[in-house]
Structure formats: C-alpha cells, structure tokens
PDB file of N, CA and C in Angstrom:
ATOM      1  N   MET A   1     -46.341  25.394 -98.413  1.00  0.00           N
ATOM      2  CA  MET A   1     -46.189  24.150 -99.546  1.00  0.00           C
ATOM      3  C   MET A   1     -46.229  22.737 -98.677  1.00  0.00           C
ATOM      4  N   LYS A   2     -46.581  22.167 -99.212  1.00  0.00           N
ATOM      5  CA  LYS A   2     -46.837  20.407 -98.865  1.00  0.00           C
ATOM      6  C   LYS A   2     -45.193  19.782 -98.836  1.00  0.00           C
ATOM      7  N   ASN A   3     -45.191  19.053 -97.711  1.00  0.00           N
ATOM      8  CA  ASN A   3     -43.702  18.391 -97.546  1.00  0.00           C
ATOM      9  C   ASN A   3     -43.867  17.224 -98.606  1.00  0.00           C
ATOM     10  N   LYS A   4     -42.974  17.180 -99.410  1.00  0.00           N
ATOM     11  CA  LYS A   4     -42.659  16.131-100.517  1.00  0.00           C
ATOM     12  C   LYS A   4     -41.812  15.073-100.212  1.00  0.00           C
ATOM     13  N   PHE A   5     -41.278  14.954 -99.015  1.00  0.00           N
ATOM     14  CA  PHE A   5     -40.504  14.094 -98.785  1.00  0.00           C
ATOM     15  C   PHE A   5     -40.928  13.273 -97.342  1.00  0.00           C
ATOM     16  N   ASN A   6     -41.919  12.021 -97.508  1.00  0.00           N
ATOM     17  CA  ASN A   6     -42.563  11.362 -96.743  1.00  0.00           C
ATOM     18  C   ASN A   6     -42.375  10.031 -96.331  1.00  0.00           C
ATOM     19  N   GLN A   7     -41.411   9.382 -97.344  1.00  0.00           N
ATOM     20  CA  GLN A   7     -41.295   7.911 -97.462  1.00  0.00           C
ATOM     21  C   GLN A   7     -39.786   7.882 -96.499  1.00  0.00           C
ATOM     22  N   LEU A   8     -39.780   7.408 -95.272  1.00  0.00           N
ATOM     23  CA  LEU A   8     -38.672   7.167 -94.444  1.00  0.00           C
ATOM     24  C   LEU A   8     -37.991   5.801 -94.815  1.00  0.00           C
ATOM     25  N   CYS A   9     -36.618   5.899 -94.986  1.00  0.00           N
ATOM     26  CA  CYS A   9     -35.964   4.878 -95.323  1.00  0.00           C
ATOM     27  C   CYS A   9     -34.863   4.569 -94.357  1.00  0.00           C
ATOM     28  N   VAL A  10     -34.431   3.621 -94.223  1.00  0.00           N
ATOM     29  CA  VAL A  10     -33.694   2.954 -93.263  1.00  0.00           C
ATOM     30  C   VAL A  10     -32.317   1.998 -94.017  1.00  0.00           C
ATOM     31  N   TRP A  11     -31.048   2.563 -93.621  1.00  0.00           N
ATOM     32  CA  TRP A  11     -29.945   1.648 -94.511  1.00  0.00           C
ATOM     33  C   TRP A  11     -28.975   1.258 -93.169  1.00  0.00           C
ATOM     34  N   PRO A  12     -29.397   0.167 -93.212  1.00  0.00           N
ATOM     35  CA  PRO A  12     -28.645  -0.687 -91.797  1.00  0.00           C
ATOM     36  C   PRO A  12     -27.209  -0.563 -92.107  1.00  0.00           C
ATOM     37  N   GLY A  13     -26.406  -0.437 -90.863  1.00  0.00           N
ATOM     38  CA  GLY A  13     -25.175  -0.739 -90.930  1.00  0.00           C
ATOM     39  C   GLY A  13     -24.425   0.632 -91.954  1.00  0.00           C
ATOM     40  N   THR A  14     -24.776   1.711 -91.963  1.00  0.00           N
ATOM     41  CA  THR A  14     -24.109   2.785 -92.838  1.00  0.00           C
ATOM     42  C   THR A  14     -24.000   3.888 -91.996  1.00  0.00           C
ATOM     43  N   ILE A  15     -22.913   4.267 -91.925  1.00  0.00           N
ATOM     44  CA  ILE A  15     -22.414   5.667 -91.419  1.00  0.00           C
ATOM     45  C   ILE A  15     -21.951   6.799 -92.196  1.00  0.00           C
ATOM     46  N   VAL A  16     -22.831   8.097 -92.297  1.00  0.00           N
ATOM     47  CA  VAL A  16     -22.535   8.964 -93.149  1.00  0.00           C
ATOM     48  C   VAL A  16     -21.854  10.275 -92.450  1.00  0.00           C
ATOM     49  N   GLY A  17     -22.330  10.701 -91.251  1.00  0.00           N
ATOM     50  CA  GLY A  17     -21.697  11.579 -90.481  1.00  0.00           C
ATOM     51  C   GLY A  17     -22.136  13.092 -91.023  1.00  0.00           C
ATOM     52  N   GLN A  18     -22.058  13.713 -89.945  1.00  0.00           N
ATOM     53  CA  GLN A  18     -22.670  15.116 -90.410  1.00  0.00           C
ATOM     54  C   GLN A  18     -21.943  16.044 -91.338  1.00  0.00           C
ATOM     55  N   ASP A  19     -20.651  15.828 -91.370  1.00  0.00           N
ATOM     56  CA  ASP A  19     -19.810  16.579 -92.395  1.00  0.00           C
ATOM     57  C   ASP A  19     -19.912  15.960 -93.865  1.00  0.00           C
ATOM     58  N   GLN A  20     -20.649  14.809 -93.984  1.00  0.00           N
ATOM     59  CA  GLN A  20     -20.779  14.308 -95.200  1.00  0.00           C
ATOM     60  C   GLN A  20     -22.051  14.184 -95.813  1.00  0.00           C
ATOM     61  N   ILE A  21     -22.776  15.019 -95.147  1.00  0.00           N
ATOM     62  CA  ILE A  21     -24.513  14.831 -95.910  1.00  0.00           C
ATOM     63  C   ILE A  21     -24.739  15.129 -96.982  1.00  0.00           C
ATOM     64  N   GLU A  22     -23.841  16.430 -97.442  1.00  0.00           N
ATOM     65  CA  GLU A  22     -24.132  16.728 -98.675  1.00  0.00           C
ATOM     66  C   GLU A  22     -23.586  15.743 -99.640  1.00  0.00           C
ATOM     67  N   LYS A  23     -22.110  15.386 -99.778  1.00  0.00           N
ATOM     68  CA  LYS A  23     -21.756  14.426-100.418  1.00  0.00           C
ATOM     69  C   LYS A  23     -22.762  12.828-100.399  1.00  0.00           C
ATOM     70  N   PHE A  24     -23.687  12.798 -99.400  1.00  0.00           N
ATOM     71  CA  PHE A  24     -24.488  11.382 -99.589  1.00  0.00           C
ATOM     72  C   PHE A  24     -25.626  11.766-100.461  1.00  0.00           C
ATOM     73  N   ASN A  25     -26.010  12.979-100.290  1.00  0.00           N
ATOM     74  CA  ASN A  25     -27.309  13.260-100.956  1.00  0.00           C
ATOM     75  C   ASN A  25     -27.019  13.388-102.400  1.00  0.00           C
ATOM     76  N   LYS A  26     -25.574  13.819-102.838  1.00  0.00           N
ATOM     77  CA  LYS A  26     -25.260  13.767-104.242  1.00  0.00           C
ATOM     78  C   LYS A  26     -24.927  12.233-104.710  1.00  0.00           C
ATOM     79  N   PHE A  27     -24.314  11.298-103.828  1.00  0.00           N
ATOM     80  CA  PHE A  27     -24.254   9.884-103.883  1.00  0.00           C
ATOM     81  C   PHE A  27     -25.720   9.321-104.331  1.00  0.00           C
ATOM     82  N   MET A  28     -26.825   9.654-103.845  1.00  0.00           N
ATOM     83  CA  MET A  28     -27.882   9.263-104.048  1.00  0.00           C
ATOM     84  C   MET A  28     -28.540   9.626-105.337  1.00  0.00           C
ATOM     85  N   LYS A  29     -28.529  10.901-105.569  1.00  0.00           N
ATOM     86  CA  LYS A  29     -28.798  11.743-106.902  1.00  0.00           C
ATOM     87  C   LYS A  29     -28.064  11.081-108.125  1.00  0.00           C
ATOM     88  N   LYS A  30     -26.983  10.605-107.908  1.00  0.00           N
ATOM     89  CA  LYS A  30     -25.988  10.070-109.207  1.00  0.00           C
ATOM     90  C   LYS A  30     -26.291   8.469-109.257  1.00  0.00           C
ATOM     91  N   GLU A  31     -26.188   7.843-108.184  1.00  0.00           N
ATOM     92  CA  GLU A  31     -26.315   6.513-108.035  1.00  0.00           C
ATOM     93  C   GLU A  31     -27.904   6.159-108.549  1.00  0.00           C
ATOM     94  N   PHE A  32     -28.918   6.585-107.810  1.00  0.00           N
ATOM     95  CA  PHE A  32     -30.168   6.128-107.970  1.00  0.00           C
ATOM     96  C   PHE A  32     -31.176   7.339-108.928  1.00  0.00           C
ATOM     97  N   LYS A  33     -30.606   8.704-109.017  1.00  0.00           N
ATOM     98  CA  LYS A  33     -31.496   9.510-109.705  1.00  0.00           C
ATOM     99  C   LYS A  33     -32.675   9.903-109.061  1.00  0.00           C
ATOM    100  N   ILE A  34     -32.308   9.829-107.612  1.00  0.00           N
ATOM    101  CA  ILE A  34     -33.518  10.343-106.747  1.00  0.00           C
ATOM    102  C   ILE A  34     -33.047  11.491-105.642  1.00  0.00           C
ATOM    103  N   ARG A  35     -33.769  12.214-104.872  1.00  0.00           N
ATOM    104  CA  ARG A  35     -33.745  13.059-104.119  1.00  0.00           C
ATOM    105  C   ARG A  35     -33.925  13.142-102.726  1.00  0.00           C
ATOM    106  N   VAL A  36     -33.196  12.819-101.992  1.00  0.00           N
ATOM    107  CA  VAL A  36     -33.262  12.675-100.466  1.00  0.00           C
ATOM    108  C   VAL A  36     -32.830  13.821 -99.367  1.00  0.00           C
ATOM    109  N   LYS A  37     -33.376  13.555 -98.068  1.00  0.00           N
ATOM    110  CA  LYS A  37     -33.126  14.335 -96.897  1.00  0.00           C
ATOM    111  C   LYS A  37     -32.575  13.437 -96.055  1.00  0.00           C
ATOM    112  N   TYR A  38     -31.212  13.587 -95.625  1.00  0.00           N
ATOM    113  CA  TYR A  38     -30.615  12.816 -94.615  1.00  0.00           C
ATOM    114  C   TYR A  38     -31.532  13.428 -93.130  1.00  0.00           C
ATOM    115  N   VAL A  39     -31.872  12.438 -92.525  1.00  0.00           N
ATOM    116  CA  VAL A  39     -32.361  12.701 -91.111  1.00  0.00           C
ATOM    117  C   VAL A  39     -31.811  12.505 -89.881  1.00  0.00           C
ATOM    118  N   GLU A  40     -31.125  11.440 -89.645  1.00  0.00           N
ATOM    119  CA  GLU A  40     -30.057  10.997 -88.632  1.00  0.00           C
ATOM    120  C   GLU A  40     -29.662   9.633 -88.820  1.00  0.00           C
ATOM    121  N   GLU A  41     -28.326   9.393 -87.766  1.00  0.00           N
ATOM    122  CA  GLU A  41     -28.066   7.929 -87.643  1.00  0.00           C
ATOM    123  C   GLU A  41     -28.241   7.659 -86.375  1.00  0.00           C
ATOM    124  N   VAL A  42     -28.496   6.402 -85.974  1.00  0.00           N
ATOM    125  CA  VAL A  42     -29.387   5.882 -84.637  1.00  0.00           C
ATOM    126  C   VAL A  42     -28.202   4.910 -84.308  1.00  0.00           C
ATOM    127  N   VAL A  43     -27.776   4.560 -83.193  1.00  0.00           N
ATOM    128  CA  VAL A  43     -27.007   3.450 -82.971  1.00  0.00           C
ATOM    129  C   VAL A  43     -27.878   2.595 -82.251  1.00  0.00           C
ATOM    130  N   LEU A  44     -28.105   1.422 -82.622  1.00  0.00           N
ATOM    131  CA  LEU A  44     -29.246   0.337 -82.250  1.00  0.00           C
ATOM    132  C   LEU A  44     -28.664  -0.282 -80.676  1.00  0.00           C
ATOM    133  N   LYS A  45     -29.330  -0.932 -79.917  1.00  0.00           N
ATOM    134  CA  LYS A  45     -29.070  -1.742 -79.136  1.00  0.00           C
ATOM    135  C   LYS A  45     -27.840  -2.796 -79.185  1.00  0.00           C
ATOM    136  N   THR A  46     -27.826  -3.258 -80.306  1.00  0.00           N
ATOM    137  CA  THR A  46     -26.679  -4.426 -80.710  1.00  0.00           C
ATOM    138  C   THR A  46     -25.432  -3.672 -81.045  1.00  0.00           C
ATOM    139  N   GLY A  47     -25.319  -2.551 -81.382  1.00  0.00           N
ATOM    140  CA  GLY A  47     -24.061  -1.570 -81.416  1.00  0.00           C
ATOM    141  C   GLY A  47     -24.101  -0.924 -82.923  1.00  0.00           C
ATOM    142  N   ARG A  48     -25.101  -1.775 -83.823  1.00  0.00           N
ATOM    143  CA  ARG A  48     -24.967  -1.265 -85.163  1.00  0.00           C
ATOM    144  C   ARG A  48     -25.523   0.041 -85.271  1.00  0.00           C
ATOM    145  N   ASN A  49     -24.830   0.810 -86.341  1.00  0.00           N
ATOM    146  CA  ASN A  49     -25.397   2.286 -86.706  1.00  0.00           C
ATOM    147  C   ASN A  49     -26.054   2.324 -88.005  1.00  0.00           C
ATOM    148  N   ASP A  50     -27.337   2.393 -88.188  1.00  0.00           N
ATOM    149  CA  ASP A  50     -28.328   2.590 -89.134  1.00  0.00           C
ATOM    150  C   ASP A  50     -28.490   4.138 -89.574  1.00  0.00           C
ATOM    151  N   LEU A  51     -28.513   4.478 -91.076  1.00  0.00           N
ATOM    152  CA  LEU A  51     -29.022   5.782 -91.371  1.00  0.00           C
ATOM    153  C   LEU A  51     -30.447   5.813 -91.712  1.00  0.00           C
ATOM    154  N   LEU A  52     -30.876   7.073 -91.564  1.00  0.00           N
ATOM    155  CA  LEU A  52     -32.209   7.252 -91.756  1.00  0.00           C
ATOM    156  C   LEU A  52     -32.321   8.593 -92.898  1.00  0.00           C
ATOM    157  N   PHE A  53     -33.181   8.325 -93.977  1.00  0.00           N
ATOM    158  CA  PHE A  53     -33.412   9.696 -94.746  1.00  0.00           C
ATOM    159  C   PHE A  53     -34.708   9.278 -95.308  1.00  0.00           C
ATOM    160  N   TYR A  54     -35.283  10.661 -95.699  1.00  0.00           N
ATOM    161  CA  TYR A  54     -36.595  10.436 -96.518  1.00  0.00           C
ATOM    162  C   TYR A  54     -36.251  10.831 -98.045  1.00  0.00           C
ATOM    163  N   ILE A  55     -37.405  10.193 -98.838  1.00  0.00           N
ATOM    164  CA  ILE A  55     -37.076  10.202-100.541  1.00  0.00           C
ATOM    165  C   ILE A  55     -38.097  10.980-100.653  1.00  0.00           C
ATOM    166  N   HIS A  56     -37.798  11.950-101.894  1.00  0.00           N
ATOM    167  CA  HIS A  56     -39.041  12.722-102.332  1.00  0.00           C
ATOM    168  C   HIS A  56     -40.204  11.953-102.812  1.00  0.00           C
ATOM    169  N   ASP A  57     -41.413  12.301-102.616  1.00  0.00           N
ATOM    170  CA  ASP A  57     -42.514  11.374-102.987  1.00  0.00           C
ATOM    171  C   ASP A  57     -42.634  11.040-104.558  1.00  0.00           C
ATOM    172  N   ASP A  58     -42.210  11.674-105.450  1.00  0.00           N
ATOM    173  CA  ASP A  58     -41.987  11.332-106.791  1.00  0.00           C
ATOM    174  C   ASP A  58     -41.083  10.636-107.209  1.00  0.00           C
ATOM    175  N   ASP A  59     -40.219  10.461-106.309  1.00  0.00           N
ATOM    176  CA  ASP A  59     -39.032   9.240-106.716  1.00  0.00           C
ATOM    177  C   ASP A  59     -39.228   7.654-105.786  1.00  0.00           C
ATOM    178  N   VAL A  60     -40.239   7.804-105.320  1.00  0.00           N
ATOM    179  CA  VAL A  60     -40.420   6.387-104.568  1.00  0.00           C
ATOM    180  C   VAL A  60     -40.615   5.038-105.265  1.00  0.00           C
ATOM    181  N   MET A  61     -41.379   5.239-106.357  1.00  0.00           N
ATOM    182  CA  MET A  61     -41.665   4.044-107.266  1.00  0.00           C
ATOM    183  C   MET A  61     -40.218   3.707-108.013  1.00  0.00           C
ATOM    184  N   LYS A  62     -39.217   4.588-108.393  1.00  0.00           N
ATOM    185  CA  LYS A  62     -38.289   4.238-109.124  1.00  0.00           C
ATOM    186  C   LYS A  62     -37.158   3.787-108.233  1.00  0.00           C
ATOM    187  N   PHE A  63     -37.331   3.910-106.981  1.00  0.00           N
ATOM    188  CA  PHE A  63     -36.272   3.579-105.867  1.00  0.00           C
ATOM    189  C   PHE A  63     -36.903   2.323-105.393  1.00  0.00           C
ATOM    190  N   ALA A  64     -37.948   1.758-105.447  1.00  0.00           N
ATOM    191  CA  ALA A  64     -38.730   0.794-104.843  1.00  0.00           C
ATOM    192  C   ALA A  64     -37.769  -0.737-105.053  1.00  0.00           C
ATOM    193  N   VAL A  65     -37.277  -0.939-106.195  1.00  0.00           N
ATOM    194  CA  VAL A  65     -36.647  -2.129-106.290  1.00  0.00           C
ATOM    195  C   VAL A  65     -34.988  -1.874-106.305  1.00  0.00           C
ATOM    196  N   PRO A  66     -34.420  -0.798-107.043  1.00  0.00           N
ATOM    197  CA  PRO A  66     -33.050  -0.599-107.127  1.00  0.00           C
ATOM    198  C   PRO A  66     -32.486  -0.362-105.392  1.00  0.00           C
ATOM    199  N   ARG A  67     -33.281  -0.227-104.435  1.00  0.00           N
ATOM    200  CA  ARG A  67     -32.691  -0.209-103.059  1.00  0.00           C
ATOM    201  C   ARG A  67     -32.338  -1.414-102.558  1.00  0.00           C
ATOM    202  N   PHE A  68     -33.343  -2.506-103.002  1.00  0.00           N
ATOM    203  CA  PHE A  68     -32.669  -3.980-102.373  1.00  0.00           C
ATOM    204  C   PHE A  68     -31.155  -4.397-102.416  1.00  0.00           C
ATOM    205  N   GLU A  69     -30.511  -3.902-103.585  1.00  0.00           N
ATOM    206  CA  GLU A  69     -29.100  -4.179-103.829  1.00  0.00           C
ATOM    207  C   GLU A  69     -28.207  -3.539-102.634  1.00  0.00           C
ATOM    208  N   TYR A  70     -28.795  -2.479-102.085  1.00  0.00           N
ATOM    209  CA  TYR A  70     -28.048  -1.808-100.952  1.00  0.00           C
ATOM    210  C   TYR A  70     -28.589  -2.279 -99.539  1.00  0.00           C
ATOM    211  N   GLY A  71     -29.699  -2.839 -99.606  1.00  0.00           N
ATOM    212  CA  GLY A  71     -30.231  -3.319 -98.155  1.00  0.00           C
ATOM    213  C   GLY A  71     -30.908  -2.312 -97.645  1.00  0.00           C
ATOM    214  N   ILE A  72     -31.337  -1.195 -98.267  1.00  0.00           N
ATOM    215  CA  ILE A  72     -32.184  -0.079 -97.829  1.00  0.00           C
ATOM    216  C   ILE A  72     -33.594  -0.585 -97.813  1.00  0.00           C
ATOM    217  N   ARG A  73     -34.459   0.034 -96.534  1.00  0.00           N
ATOM    218  CA  ARG A  73     -35.448  -0.595 -96.180  1.00  0.00           C
ATOM    219  C   ARG A  73     -36.489   0.759 -95.754  1.00  0.00           C
ATOM    220  N   TRP A  74     -37.768   0.279 -96.114  1.00  0.00           N
ATOM    221  CA  TRP A  74     -38.777   1.182 -95.641  1.00  0.00           C
ATOM    222  C   TRP A  74     -38.949   0.987 -94.265  1.00  0.00           C
ATOM    223  N   TRP A  75     -38.827   2.080 -93.613  1.00  0.00           N
ATOM    224  CA  TRP A  75     -39.078   2.326 -92.256  1.00  0.00           C
ATOM    225  C   TRP A  75     -40.222   1.281 -91.721  1.00  0.00           C
ATOM    226  N   GLU A  76     -41.412   1.365 -92.489  1.00  0.00           N
ATOM    227  CA  GLU A  76     -42.582   0.544 -92.054  1.00  0.00           C
ATOM    228  C   GLU A  76     -42.123  -0.708 -92.221  1.00  0.00           C
ATOM    229  N   ASP A  77     -41.267  -1.298 -92.855  1.00  0.00           N
ATOM    230  CA  ASP A  77     -41.011  -2.811 -93.142  1.00  0.00           C
ATOM    231  C   ASP A  77     -40.491  -3.349 -91.737  1.00  0.00           C
ATOM    232  N   VAL A  78     -39.311  -2.222 -91.288  1.00  0.00           N
ATOM    233  CA  VAL A  78     -38.647  -2.315 -90.360  1.00  0.00           C
ATOM    234  C   VAL A  78     -39.526  -2.351 -88.912  1.00  0.00           C
ATOM    235  N   TYR A  79     -40.631  -1.440 -89.068  1.00  0.00           N
ATOM    236  CA  TYR A  79     -41.281  -1.240 -87.944  1.00  0.00           C
ATOM    237  C   TYR A  79     -42.357  -2.339 -87.605  1.00  0.00           C
ATOM    238  N   PHE A  80     -43.332  -2.914 -88.854  1.00  0.00           N
ATOM    239  CA  PHE A  80     -43.983  -3.992 -88.917  1.00  0.00           C
ATOM    240  C   PHE A  80     -43.464  -5.357 -89.062  1.00  0.00           C
ATOM    241  N   ASN A  81     -42.264  -5.430 -88.935  1.00  0.00           N
ATOM    242  CA  ASN A  81     -41.752  -6.910 -88.875  1.00  0.00           C
ATOM    243  C   ASN A  81     -41.186  -6.829 -87.078  1.00  0.00           C
ATOM    244  N   ASN A  82     -41.453  -6.232 -86.560  1.00  0.00           N
ATOM    245  CA  ASN A  82     -40.853  -6.095 -85.043  1.00  0.00           C
ATOM    246  C   ASN A  82     -39.366  -5.758 -84.785  1.00  0.00           C
ATOM    247  N   GLN A  83     -38.958  -5.404 -85.841  1.00  0.00           N
ATOM    248  CA  GLN A  83     -37.407  -5.015 -85.642  1.00  0.00           C
ATOM    249  C   GLN A  83     -37.304  -3.673 -84.997  1.00  0.00           C
ATOM    250  N   GLN A  84     -38.604  -2.974 -84.754  1.00  0.00           N
ATOM    251  CA  GLN A  84     -38.274  -1.835 -84.064  1.00  0.00           C
ATOM    252  C   GLN A  84     -37.909  -1.992 -82.675  1.00  0.00           C
ATOM    253  N   LYS A  85     -37.830  -2.938 -81.977  1.00  0.00           N
ATOM    254  CA  LYS A  85     -37.330  -3.398 -80.807  1.00  0.00           C
ATOM    255  C   LYS A  85     -35.743  -3.282 -80.637  1.00  0.00           C
ATOM    256  N   GLU A  86     -34.938  -3.417 -81.511  1.00  0.00           N
ATOM    257  CA  GLU A  86     -33.598  -2.998 -81.768  1.00  0.00           C
ATOM    258  C   GLU A  86     -33.273  -1.271 -81.694  1.00  0.00           C
ATOM    259  N   TYR A  87     -34.209  -0.945 -81.720  1.00  0.00           N
ATOM    260  CA  TYR A  87     -34.020   0.561 -81.571  1.00  0.00           C
ATOM    261  C   TYR A  87     -34.211   1.379 -80.466  1.00  0.00           C
ATOM    262  N   PRO A  88     -33.506   2.180 -79.735  1.00  0.00           N
ATOM    263  CA  PRO A  88     -33.777   3.063 -78.632  1.00  0.00           C
ATOM    264  C   PRO A  88     -35.417   3.540 -78.425  1.00  0.00           C
ATOM    265  N   LYS A  89     -36.077   3.576 -77.177  1.00  0.00           N
ATOM    266  CA  LYS A  89     -37.439   3.688 -77.307  1.00  0.00           C
ATOM    267  C   LYS A  89     -37.583   5.307 -77.497  1.00  0.00           C
ATOM    268  N   GLU A  90     -36.645   6.546 -77.379  1.00  0.00           N
ATOM    269  CA  GLU A  90     -36.993   7.717 -77.340  1.00  0.00           C
ATOM    270  C   GLU A  90     -37.067   7.547 -79.074  1.00  0.00           C
ATOM    271  N   PHE A  91     -36.151   6.997 -79.852  1.00  0.00           N
ATOM    272  CA  PHE A  91     -36.257   7.112 -81.365  1.00  0.00           C
ATOM    273  C   PHE A  91     -37.397   6.583 -81.970  1.00  0.00           C
ATOM    274  N   ILE A  92     -37.836   5.475 -81.534  1.00  0.00           N
ATOM    275  CA  ILE A  92     -38.949   5.148 -81.672  1.00  0.00           C
ATOM    276  C   ILE A  92     -40.204   6.119 -81.596  1.00  0.00           C
ATOM    277  N   LYS A  93     -40.203   6.925 -80.784  1.00  0.00           N
ATOM    278  CA  LYS A  93     -41.007   7.914 -80.491  1.00  0.00           C
ATOM    279  C   LYS A  93     -41.227   9.175 -81.524  1.00  0.00           C
ATOM    280  N   ARG A  94     -39.925   9.170 -81.771  1.00  0.00           N
ATOM    281  CA  ARG A  94     -39.743  10.141 -83.097  1.00  0.00           C
ATOM    282  C   ARG A  94     -40.432   9.873 -84.261  1.00  0.00           C
ATOM    283  N   TYR A  95     -40.163   8.637 -84.662  1.00  0.00           N
ATOM    284  CA  TYR A  95     -40.484   8.076 -85.832  1.00  0.00           C
ATOM    285  C   TYR A  95     -41.645   6.670 -85.771  1.00  0.00           C
ATOM    286  N   PRO A  96     -42.896   7.055 -85.308  1.00  0.00           N
ATOM    287  CA  PRO A  96     -43.786   6.146 -85.220  1.00  0.00           C
ATOM    288  C   PRO A  96     -44.168   5.494 -86.288  1.00  0.00           C
ATOM    289  N   LYS A  97     -44.802   4.802 -86.766  1.00  0.00           N
ATOM    290  CA  LYS A  97     -45.321   4.111 -87.980  1.00  0.00           C
ATOM    291  C   LYS A  97     -46.254   5.241 -88.822  1.00  0.00           C
ATOM    292  N   THR A  98     -46.342   4.870 -89.750  1.00  0.00           N
ATOM    293  CA  THR A  98     -46.840   5.915 -90.833  1.00  0.00           C
ATOM    294  C   THR A  98     -48.124   5.503 -91.542  1.00  0.00           C
ATOM    295  N   TRP A  99     -48.433   4.149 -91.467  1.00  0.00           N
ATOM    296  CA  TRP A  99     -49.558   3.750 -91.858  1.00  0.00           C
ATOM    297  C   TRP A  99     -50.764   3.147 -91.264  1.00  0.00           C
TER     298      TRP A  99
END
C-alpha cells in the first residue's frame, strides 16, 4: 500500500514531546480536521525547537491556508528559502528536498 502521508510540515518553536504524540494527533484532527503523523522534534542551531509532522495527502489542500495562522510551514518552503542552514546537518540528510 502506498504511503498516504507525504507532505512534511514544520511548526517552528513547538514542543510536543514523545509522551504527548497522541494528544497532538487529536488536536490536529479537532482543530483542522486533518490527519497527521508526528515525525520528530529538532533543536536548531539557534536553540529553537521545531516540530515536524506529515499530513495526509487528501488533507493538504484544506490545510494549506489555515496553517498560516499557526505559523506552520511546508518543509520545502523552509528548505528553498535557505533556512535549512539553521538545522543540524544530520537532520538535513534525513529530510532532503522533495521537489
């Protein structure tokens, strides 16, 4: 079966924690009516914590505009705007550009 979670999202300055993943998934379902998969959190060179998660392919369009209110970005936007330099090199290797 094909993976249905392909759009990687970045939520800057957000901490969920391993023990709150299910709560995060429920929040996203309730708040945005979307399905997500928690990926990981990364500490940038600046010390900021960013949350990464995938969104279900069928939910991308309905999430495209509402995400702005929360500052959530597509990974490609971060990557192509040269902001990937803020992330640890080993992190970038795990999540290369997808376009």
